[in-house]
Each structure stands twice: as C-alpha cells, then as structure tokens.
C-alpha atoms as a PDB file:
ATOM      1  CA  UNK A   1     145.539 -65.396 111.915  1.00  0.00           C
ATOM      2  CA  UNK A   2     144.052 -65.172 108.552  1.00  0.00           C
ATOM      3  CA  UNK A   3     147.116 -65.090 106.540  1.00  0.00           C
ATOM      4  CA  UNK A   4     147.025 -63.307 103.088  1.00  0.00           C
ATOM      5  CA  UNK A   5     148.962 -65.443 100.610  1.00  0.00           C
ATOM      6  CA  UNK A   6     151.161 -63.452  98.190  1.00  0.00           C
ATOM      7  CA  UNK A   7     151.956 -64.077  94.385  1.00  0.00           C
ATOM      8  CA  UNK A   8     154.728 -62.085  92.728  1.00  0.00           C
ATOM      9  CA  UNK A   9     153.875 -62.254  89.020  1.00  0.00           C
ATOM     10  CA  UNK A  10     155.756 -61.374  85.714  1.00  0.00           C
ATOM     11  CA  UNK A  11     159.259 -62.989  86.747  1.00  0.00           C
ATOM     12  CA  UNK A  12     161.771 -63.147  83.997  1.00  0.00           C
ATOM     13  CA  UNK A  13     165.233 -63.638  85.785  1.00  0.00           C
ATOM     14  CA  UNK A  14     166.609 -66.119  88.175  1.00  0.00           C
ATOM     15  CA  UNK A  15     167.532 -63.538  90.851  1.00  0.00           C
ATOM     16  CA  UNK A  16     163.991 -62.307  90.815  1.00  0.00           C
ATOM     17  CA  UNK A  17     162.719 -65.840  91.557  1.00  0.00           C
ATOM     18  CA  UNK A  18     165.148 -66.247  94.279  1.00  0.00           C
ATOM     19  CA  UNK A  19     164.207 -62.785  95.699  1.00  0.00           C
ATOM     20  CA  UNK A  20     160.462 -63.662  95.737  1.00  0.00           C
ATOM     21  CA  UNK A  21     161.273 -66.930  97.521  1.00  0.00           C
ATOM     22  CA  UNK A  22     163.677 -65.401 100.022  1.00  0.00           C
ATOM     23  CA  UNK A  23     160.941 -62.753 100.884  1.00  0.00           C
ATOM     24  CA  UNK A  24     158.368 -65.350 101.698  1.00  0.00           C
ATOM     25  CA  UNK A  25     156.204 -65.299  98.567  1.00  0.00           C
ATOM     26  CA  UNK A  26     153.630 -68.294  98.373  1.00  0.00           C
ATOM     27  CA  UNK A  27     153.524 -68.188  94.474  1.00  0.00           C
ATOM     28  CA  UNK A  28     155.436 -66.788  91.522  1.00  0.00           C
ATOM     29  CA  UNK A  29     153.944 -66.037  88.078  1.00  0.00           C
ATOM     30  CA  UNK A  30     155.316 -66.509  84.691  1.00  0.00           C
ATOM     31  CA  UNK A  31     153.704 -64.764  81.699  1.00  0.00           C
ATOM     32  CA  UNK A  32     153.089 -67.011  78.605  1.00  0.00           C
ATOM     33  CA  UNK A  33     151.470 -64.345  76.563  1.00  0.00           C
ATOM     34  CA  UNK A  34     153.772 -63.177  73.786  1.00  0.00           C
ATOM     35  CA  UNK A  35     152.414 -59.547  73.736  1.00  0.00           C
ATOM     36  CA  UNK A  36     153.500 -58.969  77.248  1.00  0.00           C
ATOM     37  CA  UNK A  37     156.668 -57.216  77.992  1.00  0.00           C
ATOM     38  CA  UNK A  38     156.965 -59.834  80.760  1.00  0.00           C
ATOM     39  CA  UNK A  39     156.733 -62.729  78.326  1.00  0.00           C
ATOM     40  CA  UNK A  40     158.783 -65.910  78.833  1.00  0.00           C
ATOM     41  CA  UNK A  41     158.709 -68.892  76.832  1.00  0.00           C
ATOM     42  CA  UNK A  42     157.428 -72.233  78.232  1.00  0.00           C
ATOM     43  CA  UNK A  43     160.941 -73.591  78.298  1.00  0.00           C
ATOM     44  CA  UNK A  44     162.208 -70.538  80.180  1.00  0.00           C
ATOM     45  CA  UNK A  45     159.407 -70.753  82.624  1.00  0.00           C
ATOM     46  CA  UNK A  46     160.143 -74.326  83.304  1.00  0.00           C
ATOM     47  CA  UNK A  47     163.904 -73.477  83.825  1.00  0.00           C
ATOM     48  CA  UNK A  48     162.836 -70.674  86.270  1.00  0.00           C
ATOM     49  CA  UNK A  49     160.245 -72.853  88.044  1.00  0.00           C
ATOM     50  CA  UNK A  50     162.912 -75.459  88.715  1.00  0.00           C
ATOM     51  CA  UNK A  51     164.543 -73.127  91.194  1.00  0.00           C
ATOM     52  CA  UNK A  52     161.568 -73.247  93.365  1.00  0.00           C
ATOM     53  CA  UNK A  53     161.610 -74.913  96.676  1.00  0.00           C
ATOM     54  CA  UNK A  54     158.737 -77.025  97.974  1.00  0.00           C
ATOM     55  CA  UNK A  55     155.482 -75.377  98.823  1.00  0.00           C
ATOM     56  CA  UNK A  56     156.034 -72.207  96.584  1.00  0.00           C
ATOM     57  CA  UNK A  57     153.569 -72.573  93.679  1.00  0.00           C
ATOM     58  CA  UNK A  58     154.590 -71.828  90.032  1.00  0.00           C
ATOM     59  CA  UNK A  59     151.561 -70.056  88.256  1.00  0.00           C
ATOM     60  CA  UNK A  60     151.340 -69.908  84.328  1.00  0.00           C
ATOM     61  CA  UNK A  61     149.498 -66.914  82.964  1.00  0.00           C
ATOM     62  CA  UNK A  62     147.835 -67.539  79.563  1.00  0.00           C
ATOM     63  CA  UNK A  63     145.641 -65.170  77.335  1.00  0.00           C
ATOM     64  CA  UNK A  64     143.312 -66.981  74.832  1.00  0.00           C
ATOM     65  CA  UNK A  65     145.796 -69.836  74.194  1.00  0.00           C
ATOM     66  CA  UNK A  66     145.200 -72.972  72.556  1.00  0.00           C
ATOM     67  CA  UNK A  67     144.413 -75.837  75.142  1.00  0.00           C
ATOM     68  CA  UNK A  68     146.906 -78.154  73.740  1.00  0.00           C
ATOM     69  CA  UNK A  69     149.694 -75.681  74.194  1.00  0.00           C
ATOM     70  CA  UNK A  70     148.622 -74.999  77.833  1.00  0.00           C
ATOM     71  CA  UNK A  71     148.676 -78.629  78.697  1.00  0.00           C
ATOM     72  CA  UNK A  72     151.976 -79.135  77.025  1.00  0.00           C
ATOM     73  CA  UNK A  73     153.538 -76.257  79.099  1.00  0.00           C
ATOM     74  CA  UNK A  74     152.015 -77.585  82.143  1.00  0.00           C
ATOM     75  CA  UNK A  75     153.418 -81.080  81.639  1.00  0.00           C
ATOM     76  CA  UNK A  76     156.809 -79.512  81.966  1.00  0.00           C
ATOM     77  CA  UNK A  77     156.253 -77.689  85.221  1.00  0.00           C
ATOM     78  CA  UNK A  78     154.879 -80.104  87.796  1.00  0.00           C
ATOM     79  CA  UNK A  79     152.563 -78.593  90.401  1.00  0.00           C
ATOM     80  CA  UNK A  80     151.862 -75.374  88.217  1.00  0.00           C
ATOM     81  CA  UNK A  81     148.505 -73.594  88.637  1.00  0.00           C
ATOM     82  CA  UNK A  82     147.157 -72.019  85.373  1.00  0.00           C
ATOM     83  CA  UNK A  83     145.750 -68.461  85.335  1.00  0.00           C
ATOM     84  CA  UNK A  84     143.412 -67.609  82.543  1.00  0.00           C
ATOM     85  CA  UNK A  85     143.617 -63.958  81.716  1.00  0.00           C
ATOM     86  CA  UNK A  86     141.801 -63.620  78.334  1.00  0.00           C
ATOM     87  CA  UNK A  87     138.252 -64.326  77.196  1.00  0.00           C
ATOM     88  CA  UNK A  88     138.176 -67.995  78.187  1.00  0.00           C
ATOM     89  CA  UNK A  89     134.792 -69.554  78.964  1.00  0.00           C
ATOM     90  CA  UNK A  90     134.074 -71.767  81.819  1.00  0.00           C
ATOM     91  CA  UNK A  91     134.281 -74.681  79.444  1.00  0.00           C
ATOM     92  CA  UNK A  92     137.674 -73.395  77.875  1.00  0.00           C
ATOM     93  CA  UNK A  93     139.077 -73.471  81.335  1.00  0.00           C
ATOM     94  CA  UNK A  94     138.006 -76.852  82.202  1.00  0.00           C
ATOM     95  CA  UNK A  95     139.420 -78.323  78.933  1.00  0.00           C
ATOM     96  CA  UNK A  96     142.820 -76.595  79.232  1.00  0.00           C
ATOM     97  CA  UNK A  97     142.945 -77.548  82.970  1.00  0.00           C
ATOM     98  CA  UNK A  98     142.488 -81.261  82.198  1.00  0.00           C
ATOM     99  CA  UNK A  99     138.928 -81.192  83.051  1.00  0.00           C
ATOM    100  CA  UNK A 100     139.743 -79.574  86.419  1.00  0.00           C
ATOM    101  CA  UNK A 101     142.440 -81.871  87.431  1.00  0.00           C
ATOM    102  CA  UNK A 102     144.854 -79.059  87.405  1.00  0.00           C
ATOM    103  CA  UNK A 103     144.026 -75.993  89.551  1.00  0.00           C
ATOM    104  CA  UNK A 104     143.337 -72.798  87.791  1.00  0.00           C
ATOM    105  CA  UNK A 105     142.609 -69.126  88.528  1.00  0.00           C
ATOM    106  CA  UNK A 106     140.068 -67.026  86.439  1.00  0.00           C
ATOM    107  CA  UNK A 107     141.002 -63.308  86.035  1.00  0.00           C
ATOM    108  CA  UNK A 108     137.928 -60.950  86.332  1.00  0.00           C
ATOM    109  CA  UNK A 109     138.740 -57.619  84.582  1.00  0.00           C
ATOM    110  CA  UNK A 110     136.955 -55.030  86.803  1.00  0.00           C
ATOM    111  CA  UNK A 111     136.280 -51.636  85.033  1.00  0.00           C
ATOM    112  CA  UNK A 112     137.851 -48.607  86.234  1.00  0.00           C
ATOM    113  CA  UNK A 113     135.843 -45.882  88.081  1.00  0.00           C
ATOM    114  CA  UNK A 114     132.238 -46.023  88.742  1.00  0.00           C
ATOM    115  CA  UNK A 115     131.700 -48.648  86.056  1.00  0.00           C
ATOM    116  CA  UNK A 116     132.909 -51.063  88.415  1.00  0.00           C
ATOM    117  CA  UNK A 117     129.525 -51.135  90.036  1.00  0.00           C
ATOM    118  CA  UNK A 118     127.997 -52.750  86.948  1.00  0.00           C
ATOM    119  CA  UNK A 119     130.406 -55.796  86.872  1.00  0.00           C
ATOM    120  CA  UNK A 120     128.394 -58.681  88.549  1.00  0.00           C
ATOM    121  CA  UNK A 121     131.120 -60.441  90.442  1.00  0.00           C
ATOM    122  CA  UNK A 122     128.921 -62.804  92.266  1.00  0.00           C
ATOM    123  CA  UNK A 123     127.566 -64.305  88.988  1.00  0.00           C
ATOM    124  CA  UNK A 124     131.095 -64.309  87.536  1.00  0.00           C
ATOM    125  CA  UNK A 125     132.189 -66.350  90.539  1.00  0.00           C
ATOM    126  CA  UNK A 126     129.365 -68.623  90.045  1.00  0.00           C
ATOM    127  CA  UNK A 127     129.912 -69.152  86.208  1.00  0.00           C
ATOM    128  CA  UNK A 128     133.620 -70.007  87.032  1.00  0.00           C
ATOM    129  CA  UNK A 129     132.961 -72.105  90.390  1.00  0.00           C
ATOM    130  CA  UNK A 130     135.469 -74.727  89.177  1.00  0.00           C
ATOM    131  CA  UNK A 131     138.237 -72.193  89.584  1.00  0.00           C
ATOM    132  CA  UNK A 132     140.395 -72.214  92.687  1.00  0.00           C
ATOM    133  CA  UNK A 133     140.070 -68.534  92.944  1.00  0.00           C
ATOM    134  CA  UNK A 134     138.799 -65.480  91.148  1.00  0.00           C
ATOM    135  CA  UNK A 135     141.632 -62.949  90.515  1.00  0.00           C
ATOM    136  CA  UNK A 136     140.520 -59.392  90.327  1.00  0.00           C
ATOM    137  CA  UNK A 137     142.387 -57.136  87.961  1.00  0.00           C
ATOM    138  CA  UNK A 138     141.770 -53.759  86.503  1.00  0.00           C
ATOM    139  CA  UNK A 139     140.150 -53.836  82.918  1.00  0.00           C
ATOM    140  CA  UNK A 140     142.646 -51.909  80.867  1.00  0.00           C
ATOM    141  CA  UNK A 141     143.436 -52.002  76.978  1.00  0.00           C
ATOM    142  CA  UNK A 142     144.958 -55.321  76.095  1.00  0.00           C
ATOM    143  CA  UNK A 143     145.608 -58.211  78.463  1.00  0.00           C
ATOM    144  CA  UNK A 144     147.972 -59.259  81.127  1.00  0.00           C
ATOM    145  CA  UNK A 145     147.531 -56.226  83.637  1.00  0.00           C
ATOM    146  CA  UNK A 146     148.261 -52.744  83.304  1.00  0.00           C
ATOM    147  CA  UNK A 147     149.416 -51.768  86.852  1.00  0.00           C
ATOM    148  CA  UNK A 148     146.121 -49.971  87.321  1.00  0.00           C
ATOM    149  CA  UNK A 149     143.911 -50.155  90.486  1.00  0.00           C
ATOM    150  CA  UNK A 150     140.161 -50.355  90.357  1.00  0.00           C
ATOM    151  CA  UNK A 151     137.954 -48.867  93.146  1.00  0.00           C
ATOM    152  CA  UNK A 152     137.889 -51.824  95.713  1.00  0.00           C
ATOM    153  CA  UNK A 153     134.978 -50.137  97.555  1.00  0.00           C
ATOM    154  CA  UNK A 154     132.571 -50.854  94.671  1.00  0.00           C
ATOM    155  CA  UNK A 155     133.009 -54.550  95.000  1.00  0.00           C
ATOM    156  CA  UNK A 156     130.107 -56.655  96.122  1.00  0.00           C
ATOM    157  CA  UNK A 157     129.867 -57.017 100.029  1.00  0.00           C
ATOM    158  CA  UNK A 158     129.826 -60.893  99.762  1.00  0.00           C
ATOM    159  CA  UNK A 159     131.269 -63.091  97.090  1.00  0.00           C
ATOM    160  CA  UNK A 160     131.198 -66.870  97.700  1.00  0.00           C
ATOM    161  CA  UNK A 161     134.713 -67.512  96.425  1.00  0.00           C
ATOM    162  CA  UNK A 162     138.393 -67.247  97.195  1.00  0.00           C
ATOM    163  CA  UNK A 163     139.673 -63.987  95.795  1.00  0.00           C
ATOM    164  CA  UNK A 164     143.045 -62.607  94.565  1.00  0.00           C
ATOM    165  CA  UNK A 165     143.264 -58.948  94.624  1.00  0.00           C
ATOM    166  CA  UNK A 166     145.617 -57.564  91.744  1.00  0.00           C
ATOM    167  CA  UNK A 167     145.907 -54.531  89.738  1.00  0.00           C
ATOM    168  CA  UNK A 168     148.140 -51.573  90.675  1.00  0.00           C
ATOM    169  CA  UNK A 169     148.994 -52.932  94.035  1.00  0.00           C
ATOM    170  CA  UNK A 170     152.246 -51.447  95.790  1.00  0.00           C
ATOM    171  CA  UNK A 171     153.783 -51.611  99.134  1.00  0.00           C
ATOM    172  CA  UNK A 172     152.033 -48.449  99.880  1.00  0.00           C
ATOM    173  CA  UNK A 173     148.441 -49.428  99.068  1.00  0.00           C
ATOM    174  CA  UNK A 174     148.250 -53.183  99.568  1.00  0.00           C
ATOM    175  CA  UNK A 175     147.217 -52.932 103.215  1.00  0.00           C
ATOM    176  CA  UNK A 176     144.426 -50.834 102.332  1.00  0.00           C
ATOM    177  CA  UNK A 177     143.409 -53.360  99.611  1.00  0.00           C
ATOM    178  CA  UNK A 178     143.537 -56.122 102.139  1.00  0.00           C
ATOM    179  CA  UNK A 179     141.296 -54.182 104.558  1.00  0.00           C
ATOM    180  CA  UNK A 180     138.631 -53.474 102.025  1.00  0.00           C
ATOM    181  CA  UNK A 181     138.369 -56.672 100.251  1.00  0.00           C
ATOM    182  CA  UNK A 182     139.110 -59.543 102.650  1.00  0.00           C
ATOM    183  CA  UNK A 183     135.699 -59.100 104.473  1.00  0.00           C
ATOM    184  CA  UNK A 184     133.833 -59.717 101.150  1.00  0.00           C
ATOM    185  CA  UNK A 185     135.067 -63.138 100.365  1.00  0.00           C
ATOM    186  CA  UNK A 186     136.017 -66.609 101.617  1.00  0.00           C
ATOM    187  CA  UNK A 187     139.712 -65.723 101.681  1.00  0.00           C
ATOM    188  CA  UNK A 188     142.025 -63.281 100.155  1.00  0.00           C
ATOM    189  CA  UNK A 189     145.322 -63.498  98.395  1.00  0.00           C
ATOM    190  CA  UNK A 190     147.302 -60.649  96.744  1.00  0.00           C
ATOM    191  CA  UNK A 191     149.065 -60.646  93.295  1.00  0.00           C
ATOM    192  CA  UNK A 192     151.755 -57.825  92.496  1.00  0.00           C
ATOM    193  CA  UNK A 193     153.959 -57.350  89.338  1.00  0.00           C
ATOM    194  CA  UNK A 194     154.619 -53.711  88.257  1.00  0.00           C
ATOM    195  CA  UNK A 195     154.359 -52.658  91.887  1.00  0.00           C
ATOM    196  CA  UNK A 196     157.668 -54.308  92.843  1.00  0.00           C
ATOM    197  CA  UNK A 197     159.768 -53.522  89.589  1.00  0.00           C
ATOM    198  CA  UNK A 198     162.544 -51.088  88.584  1.00  0.00           C
ATOM    199  CA  UNK A 199     161.524 -51.712  84.891  1.00  0.00           C
ATOM    200  CA  UNK A 200     159.084 -53.927  83.163  1.00  0.00           C
ATOM    201  CA  UNK A 201     159.979 -57.489  83.799  1.00  0.00           C
ATOM    202  CA  UNK A 202     162.763 -56.454  86.154  1.00  0.00           C
ATOM    203  CA  UNK A 203     161.960 -56.929  89.844  1.00  0.00           C
ATOM    204  CA  UNK A 204     163.381 -54.993  92.695  1.00  0.00           C
ATOM    205  CA  UNK A 205     164.220 -57.207  95.734  1.00  0.00           C
ATOM    206  CA  UNK A 206     163.878 -54.343  98.113  1.00  0.00           C
ATOM    207  CA  UNK A 207     160.319 -53.508  96.791  1.00  0.00           C
ATOM    208  CA  UNK A 208     159.489 -57.234  96.944  1.00  0.00           C
ATOM    209  CA  UNK A 209     160.434 -57.263 100.748  1.00  0.00           C
ATOM    210  CA  UNK A 210     158.657 -53.973 101.382  1.00  0.00           C
ATOM    211  CA  UNK A 211     155.275 -55.555  99.697  1.00  0.00           C
ATOM    212  CA  UNK A 212     155.648 -58.699 101.691  1.00  0.00           C
ATOM    213  CA  UNK A 213     156.370 -56.706 104.987  1.00  0.00           C
ATOM    214  CA  UNK A 214     153.163 -54.529 104.259  1.00  0.00           C
ATOM    215  CA  UNK A 215     151.008 -57.606 103.749  1.00  0.00           C
ATOM    216  CA  UNK A 216     152.252 -59.109 107.030  1.00  0.00           C
ATOM    217  CA  UNK A 217     151.699 -55.855 108.852  1.00  0.00           C
ATOM    218  CA  UNK A 218     147.993 -55.767 107.472  1.00  0.00           C
ATOM    219  CA  UNK A 219     147.455 -59.193 108.566  1.00  0.00           C
ATOM    220  CA  UNK A 220     148.630 -58.500 112.144  1.00  0.00           C
ATOM    221  CA  UNK A 221     146.599 -55.392 112.424  1.00  0.00           C
ATOM    222  CA  UNK A 222     143.556 -57.386 111.315  1.00  0.00           C
ATOM    223  CA  UNK A 223     144.171 -60.107 113.684  1.00  0.00           C
ATOM    224  CA  UNK A 224     144.651 -57.607 116.475  1.00  0.00           C
END
C-alpha cells in the first residue's frame, strides 16, 4: 500500500506532541518564526523534540532566517528536518542545510483560485531538486500558512518530486486532497496545523485522531 505520511505542524505544548505521536504521526513541526502565533523558541523546540520516540521526525520551520541561526537550532535537535517557508533561494537552502547534509523541505506558495494555473510547479521542483520534498501551501499574506486551501485540481498532472500537501487541510477534506494530488507526484505526504486545533497553537487530540483516521481510510480506499 502506498502509505501517506503525516506531519502535524505548529506544536507548542507537551500534550500536543504526545497526542500526535500517539495518533501515529510520522513527523511533528515546530515554527521558529517569531511573527507566527505558533512560534516557539529554538530552546523550546528542542525540549519538545526530546519527547519524540525513534522514527518520528522533528521538522523546524523557518522564514527568511539567517543560516547561522538555523544551523545552531538544528545542532540542538538531532535528526531534524528543516522547512524553508520564505523567499529562500536554492543556494540559501543548501547553505543553511549544511550543503545538503541535513534534509530539507521547500515550501511552494500556490496562489488561490484560478491563479494557481500560472505557478510552474514543475520548474520550481527542478530549481529546488536538492530538497527532500516540495511542500505545497496556499499563498496568503504573510508567511507560515494561513489555513487556506488552494485548488488542488489545477496542479500539473506530473511533477518529478516528492510532494507534501498542506494548506487548509482538515479531517473532512484530506481524503479528497490525497486522491487528487497523489497521482501527480513520486509520493505524497500531508501536513496539517490549524485543521486540528481548538485555538491557534493549541491542538485538539480528537481532531488529530480524526485526521489520521481519514488519511488511513483514503490510503485503504486507493489501495483497494
């Protein structure tokens, strides 16, 4: 079965990290961008990451951050993946990821509505070919995700990259997103933040479980 991997992002509390792990998440995300309502300091992210069992990946989200600060934060969180969510160039990503020695994700900000057709995701994936995956998020004012979903049906039919679908996902719509996007790429993962929250930065364990269950049901349906 082609298993969809799951990341729960924007974690700020111990109980939310534990709930994500208990539900079966493959990765958890910490936002190290000071303007985000889900911001945590590097020290706080490191403390939360120490709760993770083996094979659950911590992901550190940065927006236009200085490479030295990114490298320092990663040094305190062994095994972390870096997520670049700003205007970072391919060279910026390579520098801050230790010339590619640390895996990284590059966020592509897909315009809302019909404007999504104009975003050349194939070229974007080629430009950032050193990335482990391209994360698809909706283009909203500011950075760090806005809980909006773009039109998945307007993505190119074939992208030579691993993709992570993000932006406005919920337990109710994630199955549809998986069905629409998985055939277009090498592999698909999903990333949720606001869709499993009771308030910004406060996760809801029941919603996390519902989200994971919806992903697994979609996998089973596609496998059948």
